[in-house]
Each structure stands twice: as C-alpha cells, then as structure tokens.
Protein backbone atom coordinates (compact mmCIF):
# COMPACT_ATOMS: atom_id res chain seq x y z
CA MET A 1 -33.64 4.44 16.82
CA ASP A 2 -34.68 1.08 15.35
CA ALA A 3 -32.54 -0.95 12.94
CA SER A 4 -34.43 -0.08 9.79
CA THR A 5 -34.15 3.66 10.53
CA VAL A 6 -30.39 3.42 11.27
CA ILE A 7 -29.79 1.53 8.07
CA ARG A 8 -31.85 3.98 6.04
CA GLU A 9 -29.84 6.82 7.52
CA TYR A 10 -26.63 4.98 6.74
CA LEU A 11 -27.64 4.65 3.08
CA MET A 12 -28.54 8.35 2.86
CA LEU A 13 -25.26 9.29 4.56
CA GLY A 14 -23.31 7.31 1.99
CA LEU A 15 -25.20 8.96 -0.84
CA ARG A 16 -24.40 12.36 0.59
CA PHE A 17 -20.67 11.59 0.32
CA ASP A 18 -21.17 11.18 -3.42
CA ARG A 19 -22.24 14.79 -3.53
CA VAL A 20 -19.04 15.83 -1.80
CA GLU A 21 -16.79 13.67 -4.06
CA GLU A 22 -18.37 12.19 -7.17
CA GLY A 23 -17.47 8.51 -7.37
CA TYR A 24 -17.54 7.93 -3.59
CA VAL A 25 -20.55 5.73 -4.19
CA ASP A 26 -19.20 2.94 -6.34
CA SER A 27 -22.59 1.30 -6.60
CA PHE A 28 -26.09 1.91 -5.28
CA THR A 29 -28.85 -0.52 -6.15
CA GLY A 30 -31.31 0.44 -3.41
CA ASP A 31 -34.47 2.54 -3.33
CA PRO A 32 -34.14 5.29 -5.96
CA ALA A 33 -36.30 7.53 -3.75
CA LEU A 34 -33.39 7.74 -1.28
CA ARG A 35 -31.04 9.06 -3.96
CA ARG A 36 -33.68 11.57 -5.13
CA ALA A 37 -34.19 12.78 -1.56
CA VAL A 38 -30.45 13.28 -1.10
CA ASP A 39 -30.08 15.03 -4.44
CA ASN A 40 -32.81 17.51 -3.38
CA GLU A 41 -31.02 18.37 -0.13
CA PRO A 42 -28.77 21.45 0.25
CA PRO A 43 -25.10 20.73 -0.47
CA PRO A 44 -23.75 18.67 2.40
CA ASP A 45 -21.13 19.95 4.84
CA PRO A 46 -18.38 17.32 5.25
CA ALA A 47 -17.88 18.14 8.98
CA ASP A 48 -21.59 17.57 9.53
CA LEU A 49 -21.38 14.23 7.67
CA ALA A 50 -18.61 13.14 10.03
CA ARG A 51 -20.85 14.03 12.99
CA GLN A 52 -23.75 12.11 11.46
CA ALA A 53 -21.52 9.04 11.08
CA ASP A 54 -20.40 9.23 14.71
CA ARG A 55 -24.02 9.67 15.91
CA LEU A 56 -25.26 6.67 13.89
CA ALA A 57 -22.43 4.49 15.19
CA ALA A 58 -23.41 5.40 18.74
CA GLU A 59 -27.09 4.65 18.07
CA LEU A 60 -26.77 1.13 16.57
CA PRO A 61 -29.58 -0.81 18.28
CA ALA A 62 -28.59 -3.55 20.73
CA GLY A 63 -30.93 -6.04 19.04
CA LEU A 64 -29.09 -5.86 15.70
CA GLU A 65 -27.32 -9.09 14.74
CA PRO A 66 -23.69 -8.76 15.90
CA ALA A 67 -22.15 -9.34 12.47
CA ARG A 68 -24.34 -6.63 10.94
CA ALA A 69 -23.66 -4.27 13.79
CA ASP A 70 -19.89 -4.74 13.41
CA TYR A 71 -20.18 -4.24 9.69
CA LEU A 72 -22.08 -0.97 10.09
CA ARG A 73 -19.83 0.24 12.91
CA THR A 74 -16.64 -0.14 10.91
CA HIS A 75 -18.19 1.49 7.84
CA LEU A 76 -19.50 4.40 9.83
CA ARG A 77 -16.01 4.86 11.29
CA ALA A 78 -14.67 5.02 7.74
CA LEU A 79 -17.26 7.64 6.77
CA ALA A 80 -16.51 9.70 9.86
CA CYS A 81 -12.85 9.83 8.88
CA ALA A 82 -13.70 10.73 5.28
CA GLY A 83 -15.92 13.54 6.47
CA ARG A 84 -13.14 14.96 8.64
CA LYS A 85 -10.70 14.68 5.72
CA PHE A 86 -13.05 16.44 3.33
CA ALA A 87 -13.61 19.15 5.97
CA GLY A 88 -9.85 19.86 5.90
CA GLU A 89 -8.75 18.09 9.09
CA ASP A 90 -5.20 16.83 9.02
CA VAL A 91 -5.34 13.04 9.45
CA GLY A 92 -2.12 11.07 9.20
CA PHE A 93 -2.06 8.69 6.24
CA VAL A 94 -1.57 5.51 8.28
CA ASP A 95 -4.49 6.49 10.56
CA GLU A 96 -6.56 7.35 7.49
CA VAL A 97 -5.98 3.92 5.96
CA GLU A 98 -6.78 2.20 9.27
CA ALA A 99 -10.06 4.11 9.64
CA TYR A 100 -11.09 3.41 6.04
CA PHE A 101 -10.08 -0.23 5.76
CA ASP A 102 -9.83 -1.71 9.29
CA VAL A 103 -6.09 -2.53 8.88
CA ARG A 104 -2.84 -1.00 10.14
CA ILE A 105 -0.16 -0.63 7.43
CA GLY A 106 3.61 -0.33 7.49
CA ARG A 107 6.56 -0.37 5.10
CA GLY A 108 7.50 -3.53 3.23
CA ASP A 109 10.78 -5.43 3.35
CA PRO A 110 13.37 -4.51 0.70
CA GLU A 111 15.04 -7.89 1.18
CA GLN A 112 11.81 -9.51 -0.05
CA TYR A 113 11.97 -7.27 -3.11
CA ARG A 114 15.58 -8.25 -3.79
CA GLN A 115 14.65 -11.93 -3.58
CA ALA A 116 11.80 -11.33 -6.02
CA HIS A 117 14.24 -9.70 -8.45
CA ALA A 118 16.52 -12.75 -8.16
CA LYS A 119 13.64 -15.05 -9.06
CA LEU A 120 12.74 -12.85 -12.01
CA ASP A 121 16.36 -12.89 -13.14
CA ASP A 122 16.32 -16.73 -13.11
CA ALA A 123 12.97 -16.94 -14.89
CA LEU A 124 13.87 -14.53 -17.69
CA GLY A 125 17.46 -15.56 -18.26
CA GLY A 126 19.59 -13.59 -20.68
CA SER A 127 21.88 -10.73 -19.85
CA GLY A 128 21.69 -6.98 -19.38
CA PRO A 129 19.80 -4.90 -16.80
CA LEU A 130 16.89 -6.79 -15.24
CA ALA A 131 14.54 -3.86 -15.79
CA GLU A 132 15.19 -3.91 -19.53
CA ARG A 133 14.64 -7.68 -19.70
CA VAL A 134 11.41 -7.44 -17.70
CA GLN A 135 10.13 -4.63 -19.92
CA ALA A 136 11.02 -6.59 -23.03
CA TYR A 137 9.20 -9.60 -21.65
CA ARG A 138 6.16 -7.51 -20.90
CA ALA A 139 6.26 -5.94 -24.36
CA GLY A 140 6.39 -9.37 -25.90
CA GLU A 141 3.29 -10.32 -23.91
CA GLU A 142 1.18 -7.38 -25.09
CA ILE A 143 -2.16 -8.41 -26.60
CA PRO A 144 -2.68 -6.88 -30.06
CA PRO A 145 -5.26 -4.08 -29.47
CA GLU A 146 -7.50 -5.45 -32.20
CA ARG A 147 -7.64 -8.83 -30.40
CA LEU A 148 -8.20 -7.52 -26.87
CA GLU A 149 -11.99 -7.65 -26.81
CA GLU A 150 -11.99 -11.16 -28.31
CA CYS A 151 -9.57 -12.35 -25.62
CA ILE A 152 -11.63 -10.77 -22.84
CA HIS A 153 -14.77 -12.62 -23.98
CA ALA A 154 -12.95 -15.94 -24.29
CA PHE A 155 -11.68 -15.82 -20.71
CA SER A 156 -14.98 -14.47 -19.40
CA SER A 157 -16.85 -17.37 -21.02
CA ALA A 158 -14.46 -20.01 -19.73
CA LEU A 159 -14.46 -18.59 -16.20
CA ARG A 160 -18.23 -18.16 -16.19
CA ASP A 161 -18.75 -21.84 -16.96
CA ARG A 162 -16.28 -22.84 -14.22
CA VAL A 163 -17.72 -20.49 -11.60
CA ARG A 164 -21.40 -21.29 -12.27
CA ALA A 165 -20.62 -24.94 -11.61
CA ASP A 166 -19.45 -24.03 -8.08
CA TYR A 167 -21.60 -21.03 -7.16
CA ALA A 168 -25.22 -20.59 -8.15
CA LEU A 169 -25.87 -17.40 -10.06
CA PRO A 170 -29.21 -16.10 -11.44
CA ASP A 171 -29.92 -17.10 -15.01
CA THR A 172 -30.30 -13.41 -15.86
CA GLU A 173 -26.83 -12.33 -14.69
CA THR A 174 -25.02 -10.43 -17.43
CA ILE A 175 -21.73 -8.58 -18.01
CA ASN A 176 -21.19 -6.03 -20.74
CA TYR A 177 -17.51 -5.37 -21.55
CA GLU A 178 -16.10 -2.03 -22.73
CA VAL A 179 -12.57 -1.16 -23.83
CA VAL A 180 -11.78 2.36 -22.60
CA THR A 181 -8.82 4.79 -22.41
CA ASP A 182 -7.53 7.61 -20.19
CA LYS A 183 -8.24 5.93 -16.87
CA PRO A 184 -5.95 5.55 -13.81
CA TRP A 185 -6.86 1.86 -13.39
CA SER A 186 -6.46 -1.36 -15.37
CA GLY A 187 -10.06 -2.53 -15.12
CA PHE A 188 -13.24 -1.47 -13.38
CA ASN A 189 -16.56 -3.16 -12.51
CA TYR A 190 -19.66 -0.96 -12.58
CA TYR A 191 -22.40 -3.01 -10.87
CA LEU A 192 -25.79 -1.81 -12.07
CA GLY A 193 -28.06 -4.02 -9.96
CA ASP A 194 -30.41 -6.73 -11.14
CA TYR A 195 -27.40 -9.05 -11.57
CA THR A 196 -25.87 -6.88 -14.32
CA SER A 197 -22.40 -5.32 -14.57
CA THR A 198 -20.43 -3.24 -17.02
CA VAL A 199 -16.73 -4.08 -16.94
CA ALA A 200 -14.37 -1.50 -18.42
CA VAL A 201 -10.84 -2.53 -19.45
CA ASN A 202 -8.22 0.16 -19.96
CA ALA A 203 -6.50 -0.21 -23.34
CA ASP A 204 -3.94 2.49 -22.46
CA LEU A 205 -2.09 0.01 -20.24
CA ARG A 206 -1.32 -2.36 -23.14
CA GLN A 207 -2.91 -5.40 -21.55
CA GLN A 208 -0.56 -8.37 -21.22
CA MET A 209 -1.44 -11.97 -21.89
CA SER A 210 -0.39 -13.17 -18.43
CA ASN A 211 -2.46 -10.49 -16.69
CA LEU A 212 -5.71 -10.73 -18.67
CA PRO A 213 -6.95 -14.00 -17.07
CA ARG A 214 -6.41 -12.48 -13.64
CA LEU A 215 -8.09 -9.20 -14.63
CA VAL A 216 -11.19 -10.96 -15.98
CA ALA A 217 -11.40 -13.18 -12.94
CA HIS A 218 -10.96 -10.15 -10.70
CA GLU A 219 -13.68 -8.04 -12.30
CA SER A 220 -16.10 -10.76 -13.30
CA TYR A 221 -15.96 -14.49 -12.39
CA PRO A 222 -15.65 -15.17 -9.50
CA GLY A 223 -14.63 -11.61 -8.54
CA HIS A 224 -16.56 -8.38 -8.25
CA HIS A 225 -19.54 -9.27 -10.45
CA THR A 226 -20.01 -12.64 -8.82
CA GLU A 227 -19.78 -11.15 -5.34
CA HIS A 228 -22.32 -8.42 -6.16
CA CYS A 229 -24.73 -10.98 -7.62
CA ARG A 230 -24.40 -13.41 -4.68
CA LYS A 231 -24.86 -10.67 -2.12
CA GLU A 232 -27.77 -9.12 -3.93
CA ALA A 233 -29.51 -12.52 -4.06
CA GLY A 234 -28.54 -13.80 -0.62
CA LEU A 235 -28.14 -10.83 1.69
CA VAL A 236 -30.49 -8.25 0.10
CA ALA A 237 -33.28 -10.25 -1.55
CA ALA A 238 -33.37 -13.18 0.84
CA LYS A 239 -32.39 -11.59 4.17
CA GLY A 240 -33.34 -7.91 3.74
CA GLN A 241 -29.89 -6.56 4.59
CA ILE A 242 -30.33 -3.41 2.55
CA GLU A 243 -27.08 -1.89 3.77
CA GLN A 244 -25.56 -4.16 1.13
CA THR A 245 -27.27 -2.16 -1.63
CA ILE A 246 -24.56 0.54 -1.34
CA PHE A 247 -20.90 0.05 -2.12
CA LEU A 248 -18.73 2.90 -0.84
CA VAL A 249 -15.15 3.69 -1.76
CA ASN A 250 -12.72 3.90 1.16
CA THR A 251 -14.56 1.54 3.46
CA PRO A 252 -13.74 -1.99 4.75
CA GLN A 253 -15.99 -3.58 2.11
CA CYS A 254 -13.50 -2.38 -0.50
CA LEU A 255 -10.57 -4.17 1.17
CA MET A 256 -12.61 -7.32 1.40
CA ALA A 257 -13.78 -7.04 -2.22
CA GLU A 258 -10.40 -6.33 -3.67
CA GLY A 259 -8.75 -9.10 -1.68
CA LEU A 260 -11.48 -11.48 -2.83
CA ALA A 261 -11.11 -10.37 -6.45
CA ASP A 262 -7.32 -10.64 -6.39
CA LEU A 263 -7.76 -14.23 -5.26
CA ALA A 264 -10.49 -15.01 -7.82
CA LEU A 265 -8.24 -16.75 -10.32
CA HIS A 266 -6.63 -18.78 -7.53
CA ALA A 267 -10.08 -19.84 -6.27
CA ALA A 268 -11.49 -20.64 -9.70
CA ILE A 269 -8.53 -22.29 -11.46
CA GLY A 270 -5.86 -22.89 -8.85
CA SER A 271 -2.16 -23.39 -9.38
CA GLY A 272 -2.54 -24.62 -12.96
CA TRP A 273 -3.84 -21.36 -14.38
CA GLY A 274 -0.86 -21.04 -16.79
CA ALA A 275 -1.61 -24.23 -18.63
CA TRP A 276 -5.34 -23.42 -18.65
CA ALA A 277 -4.71 -19.98 -20.14
CA THR A 278 -2.30 -21.41 -22.71
CA GLU A 279 -5.09 -23.58 -24.08
CA ILE A 280 -7.54 -20.66 -24.34
CA TYR A 281 -4.99 -18.47 -26.11
CA ALA A 282 -4.15 -21.39 -28.45
CA ASP A 283 -7.80 -21.64 -29.44
CA LEU A 284 -7.54 -17.96 -30.45
CA GLY A 285 -4.39 -18.60 -32.44
CA LEU A 286 -2.14 -16.81 -29.95
CA ARG A 287 1.02 -18.29 -28.46
CA PHE A 288 1.44 -18.05 -24.70
CA ASP A 289 4.00 -19.64 -22.39
CA GLY A 290 1.82 -20.24 -19.36
CA GLU A 291 4.46 -22.08 -17.34
CA ARG A 292 6.91 -19.21 -17.59
CA ALA A 293 4.15 -16.69 -16.97
CA GLN A 294 3.27 -18.42 -13.70
CA VAL A 295 6.85 -18.16 -12.44
CA VAL A 296 7.12 -14.52 -13.42
CA SER A 297 3.74 -13.68 -11.87
CA GLU A 298 4.60 -15.37 -8.58
CA ALA A 299 7.86 -13.43 -8.33
CA THR A 300 6.14 -10.19 -9.26
CA ALA A 301 3.47 -10.80 -6.60
CA ALA A 302 6.15 -10.53 -3.93
CA LEU A 303 6.58 -6.89 -5.06
CA ALA A 304 2.99 -5.93 -4.21
CA ASP A 305 4.02 -3.96 -1.10
CA VAL A 306 6.10 -1.60 -3.26
CA ARG A 307 2.93 0.26 -4.27
CA GLN A 308 1.91 0.73 -0.68
CA ASP A 309 5.43 1.83 0.19
CA ALA A 310 5.14 4.44 -2.55
CA ALA A 311 1.85 5.71 -1.07
CA LEU A 312 3.50 6.00 2.34
CA MET A 313 6.45 7.87 0.85
CA LEU A 314 4.08 10.27 -0.90
CA HIS A 315 1.56 10.94 1.82
CA ASP A 316 3.21 9.99 5.12
CA GLU A 317 6.81 10.92 4.47
CA HIS A 318 5.99 13.74 2.03
CA ARG A 319 8.76 12.70 -0.37
CA ASP A 320 9.31 14.42 -3.64
CA VAL A 321 7.27 13.02 -6.53
CA ASP A 322 10.34 12.20 -8.59
CA ASP A 323 11.76 10.21 -5.64
CA VAL A 324 8.57 8.15 -5.55
CA VAL A 325 8.69 7.58 -9.32
CA ASP A 326 12.30 6.41 -9.03
CA PHE A 327 11.32 4.04 -6.20
CA LEU A 328 8.54 2.51 -8.32
CA LYS A 329 10.86 2.18 -11.32
CA ARG A 330 13.58 0.54 -9.26
CA TRP A 331 11.58 -2.09 -7.48
CA LEU A 332 8.68 -2.74 -9.89
CA LEU A 333 11.04 -2.67 -12.90
CA VAL A 334 8.73 -0.40 -14.91
CA ASN A 335 9.52 2.49 -17.22
CA ASP A 336 8.92 6.15 -16.41
CA GLU A 337 5.59 6.25 -18.22
CA ARG A 338 4.19 3.25 -16.26
CA ALA A 339 5.50 4.61 -12.93
CA ARG A 340 3.80 7.94 -13.55
CA GLN A 341 0.57 6.14 -14.50
CA MET A 342 0.72 4.44 -11.09
CA LEU A 343 1.35 7.79 -9.48
CA ARG A 344 -1.94 9.10 -10.93
CA PHE A 345 -3.77 6.52 -8.86
CA LEU A 346 -1.68 7.11 -5.74
CA SER A 347 -2.14 10.87 -6.04
CA SER A 348 -5.91 10.93 -6.64
CA PRO A 349 -7.82 12.53 -3.72
CA LEU A 350 -10.42 9.78 -3.95
CA TRP A 351 -8.13 6.81 -4.59
CA ARG A 352 -4.88 7.71 -2.79
CA ALA A 353 -5.38 5.25 0.07
CA TYR A 354 -6.96 2.57 -2.11
CA THR A 355 -3.75 0.75 -2.99
CA SER A 356 -3.84 -0.75 0.54
CA THR A 357 -7.06 -2.61 -0.35
CA TYR A 358 -5.11 -4.74 -2.82
CA VAL A 359 -1.94 -5.19 -0.77
CA GLU A 360 -3.54 -5.83 2.61
CA GLY A 361 -6.69 -7.37 1.22
CA TYR A 362 -4.77 -10.08 -0.60
CA ARG A 363 -2.48 -10.75 2.39
CA LEU A 364 -5.33 -11.02 4.88
CA LEU A 365 -7.73 -13.05 2.74
CA ARG A 366 -5.06 -15.39 1.40
CA ALA A 367 -3.94 -16.17 4.96
CA TRP A 368 -7.56 -16.79 5.98
CA LEU A 369 -8.21 -19.09 3.00
CA ASP A 370 -5.01 -21.02 3.64
CA ALA A 371 -5.84 -21.43 7.32
CA ARG A 372 -9.15 -23.19 6.59
CA PRO A 373 -9.84 -26.48 8.43
CA ASP A 374 -8.87 -29.70 6.66
CA ASP A 375 -12.49 -30.61 6.05
CA VAL A 376 -13.33 -27.27 4.38
CA SER A 377 -12.57 -26.95 0.66
CA LEU A 378 -11.20 -23.80 -0.99
CA THR A 379 -14.44 -23.48 -2.90
CA ASP A 380 -16.52 -23.47 0.28
CA ARG A 381 -14.19 -21.11 2.10
CA PHE A 382 -14.11 -18.66 -0.80
CA GLY A 383 -17.91 -18.92 -0.97
CA ARG A 384 -18.12 -17.33 2.46
CA LEU A 385 -16.32 -14.29 1.10
CA LEU A 386 -18.84 -14.11 -1.71
CA ASP A 387 -21.87 -14.50 0.55
CA GLU A 388 -21.21 -13.03 4.00
CA PRO A 389 -20.82 -9.40 5.18
CA LEU A 390 -17.32 -10.05 6.57
CA ILE A 391 -14.91 -7.33 7.70
CA PRO A 392 -11.12 -7.45 8.11
CA SER A 393 -11.17 -7.57 11.91
CA ALA A 394 -13.51 -10.56 11.84
CA LEU A 395 -11.02 -12.49 9.67
CA ARG A 396 -8.12 -11.53 11.94
CA ALA A 397 -10.09 -12.72 14.96
CA ALA A 398 -10.77 -16.07 13.18
C-alpha cells in the first residue's frame, strides 16, 4: 500500500471513530468527500476499527519519511486502543493513557502538594483555613460577567500583536469568541479550517482575572489557533501532509497540543506576564495585582498532578466518587461545586483520560523547551512545536 493510500485510510478511520463517539474528531479540514463517504457507510464496529488500525500500522510504507511514519504509527496505536475500549475490552487505565498519549503515568508526590500549600499560605497571608482564604482570593478575582467578553478581546488583541511579530500567520486568520454555559471545560477551540477558529469560554466557571490571560493564550495566541494555522499553512498546504487535516481526541497530538497551549503565555510573554496583564486590565478600568497573581499561579501549578491522581483513583483504583471529590477539595483547595465540576470531566467516557494531556504535556514540553541549546531562543524552540509533527517519544529521545 502506498503512502497516499495509507494516509487516506487513516483519515477515514479517524472519521469512523466520530460515528462511534461524537466528538472524537475534534477537527477535520480535509476533503469533504471523505466525510461523506464515511457517513454513508454502515455503522462501524469498534472491534473492526481496532483491527483496521493495527493493519494500517503494519502496512506503513518503508519509503515514508521517518517522522511521518512515527507520527502515524503512534496515532494508529491510540486508535487501536480506543477501538478495543469501545468494543468493551477491559484495558487498564494506565495502559489506556499510554496507548493514547505515548506517556506512562503514575501518582504525584503529596510532599510537593504540601510545599505548594505552604507557598500559597505565604502569598495570601491572613489567618483561618487555607482553603477558605484561597476561595476568597479566587472570588475576589472573578471577572464581572458583563465584562468577560470585553476582557477576552483585549487579551486576544494584545497577544495577537505579540505573536504575529514572532510567527507569521495568514492575513485572513480569524477567531470568533463565544461565551457559553453548561460545559465540562473552561475554554475550547473549534478549528474550522481556512485559518479560522471559534473559541468558546465557559461562563459557568466564573472566570478569574489571573487565569484569563493564560486561557486566551492557550486557546488562541500562540496556542491552539496559532498551531492549527501554522500547521495548515506549513505541513498541509506547503508539504502535502494531509494527515494533519484531522485532529483526534485521545491521541498523542492532543498531549503535544495541550502542552504547547499550556506553555503559550510563557512563550509569548515570559515571566513578566503579571505586570503585562495588570496594564491591560488597568486600560479596562479593572484593578489587578499581577505580582501577587504570579506567585499564587506558580504555587498552584505545582498542584497540577492532583487532577491526574484523581483520575487514577477513579479509574485505576476504583475509589468511591465522594473519596475522589474529597481528595480534589483537600489538595486543590476548591469547594464541593468546583470539585464536582472537575469530576464531570474526569468521568466523561470521551474525556476521562484527557487530564493527562495537560499534566504530562506541560511537564514534557517545558523540560524540552528548557533544555534547548544556548544558541536557540525560546521563540525558535517553541516555533518547532507550532510547525512540526512532533510526538512525545521524539521529545523524550531528544
């Protein structure tokens, strides 16, 4: 089987998974005829999809560029596992995550969480239970709902100017923002192709001033939207790598994309993001203590593994739901409502493993960025993440 046939089959296989679980295809900007052909097929059998993935992985042509072959092989392994899961096969959670995302996960270190709490205690000051002080701080940071859309556009504009100075983007690239409710996530990028995205921001989560710059960078500039645009222009249009026209949930590309997006504010603004955000909020007539927010955010970042621990408790250790909620409340210092909102995401059949993309993606990509040679700038190193079809095992090998 030649390369073009294998890649066409890969795209159709991915589209078939969307018929098993709607939303499995996060984005498809390829030939509409392929989607029509799949939609006209009989309902797919998940076990057969797993066999198709294994067969395609075995048939990757020897002449295919090694990086593309590795990319396709790891993604086909992810699809084979998903097919077996959908068919009812019992796959251990740790093995499931490894097959999906090309990483091996384990429990975090409670001592690290205790140290993070100590830093938060110092940053917030005052007296009383730390959880109550953290929740009061977060409540004081909530953006008035009627100002949320205005704040989103202000940060998007500022980041867009900064990012376009470093990374070429088509003149026609566009983002449309929507404020939504009743979603299990904070924000979501819907890439529509032709350098256009819709970014939805969840108003139910009472967006906080310190988080909004990171969220806009994550979803837009230089995060998901920027990556999609750069890959569509560079890999698809210029190099004909049409496997990049599909973006599939629960595959290594998600870990790479979420790690990249979680590092987007770091790459675009750097360590001074607090002062930068303070100025933007001031222009909007809003008071923001950026210096304090940075200290709190850095301490909170050390608690990222808690979410993955909760997923392991739920799916690997089969702990009671209330035990998992209590664990989230204890270490993440959130109230019951927020913990149960997190549990919605961790319990979703489609998204249950996805937390690892943020935890492991950030850890892996941050280490790779920090290990860059002395003569390579952060901008150039981050640009490789935007432009190349990298996978986790390739970064570990580097």
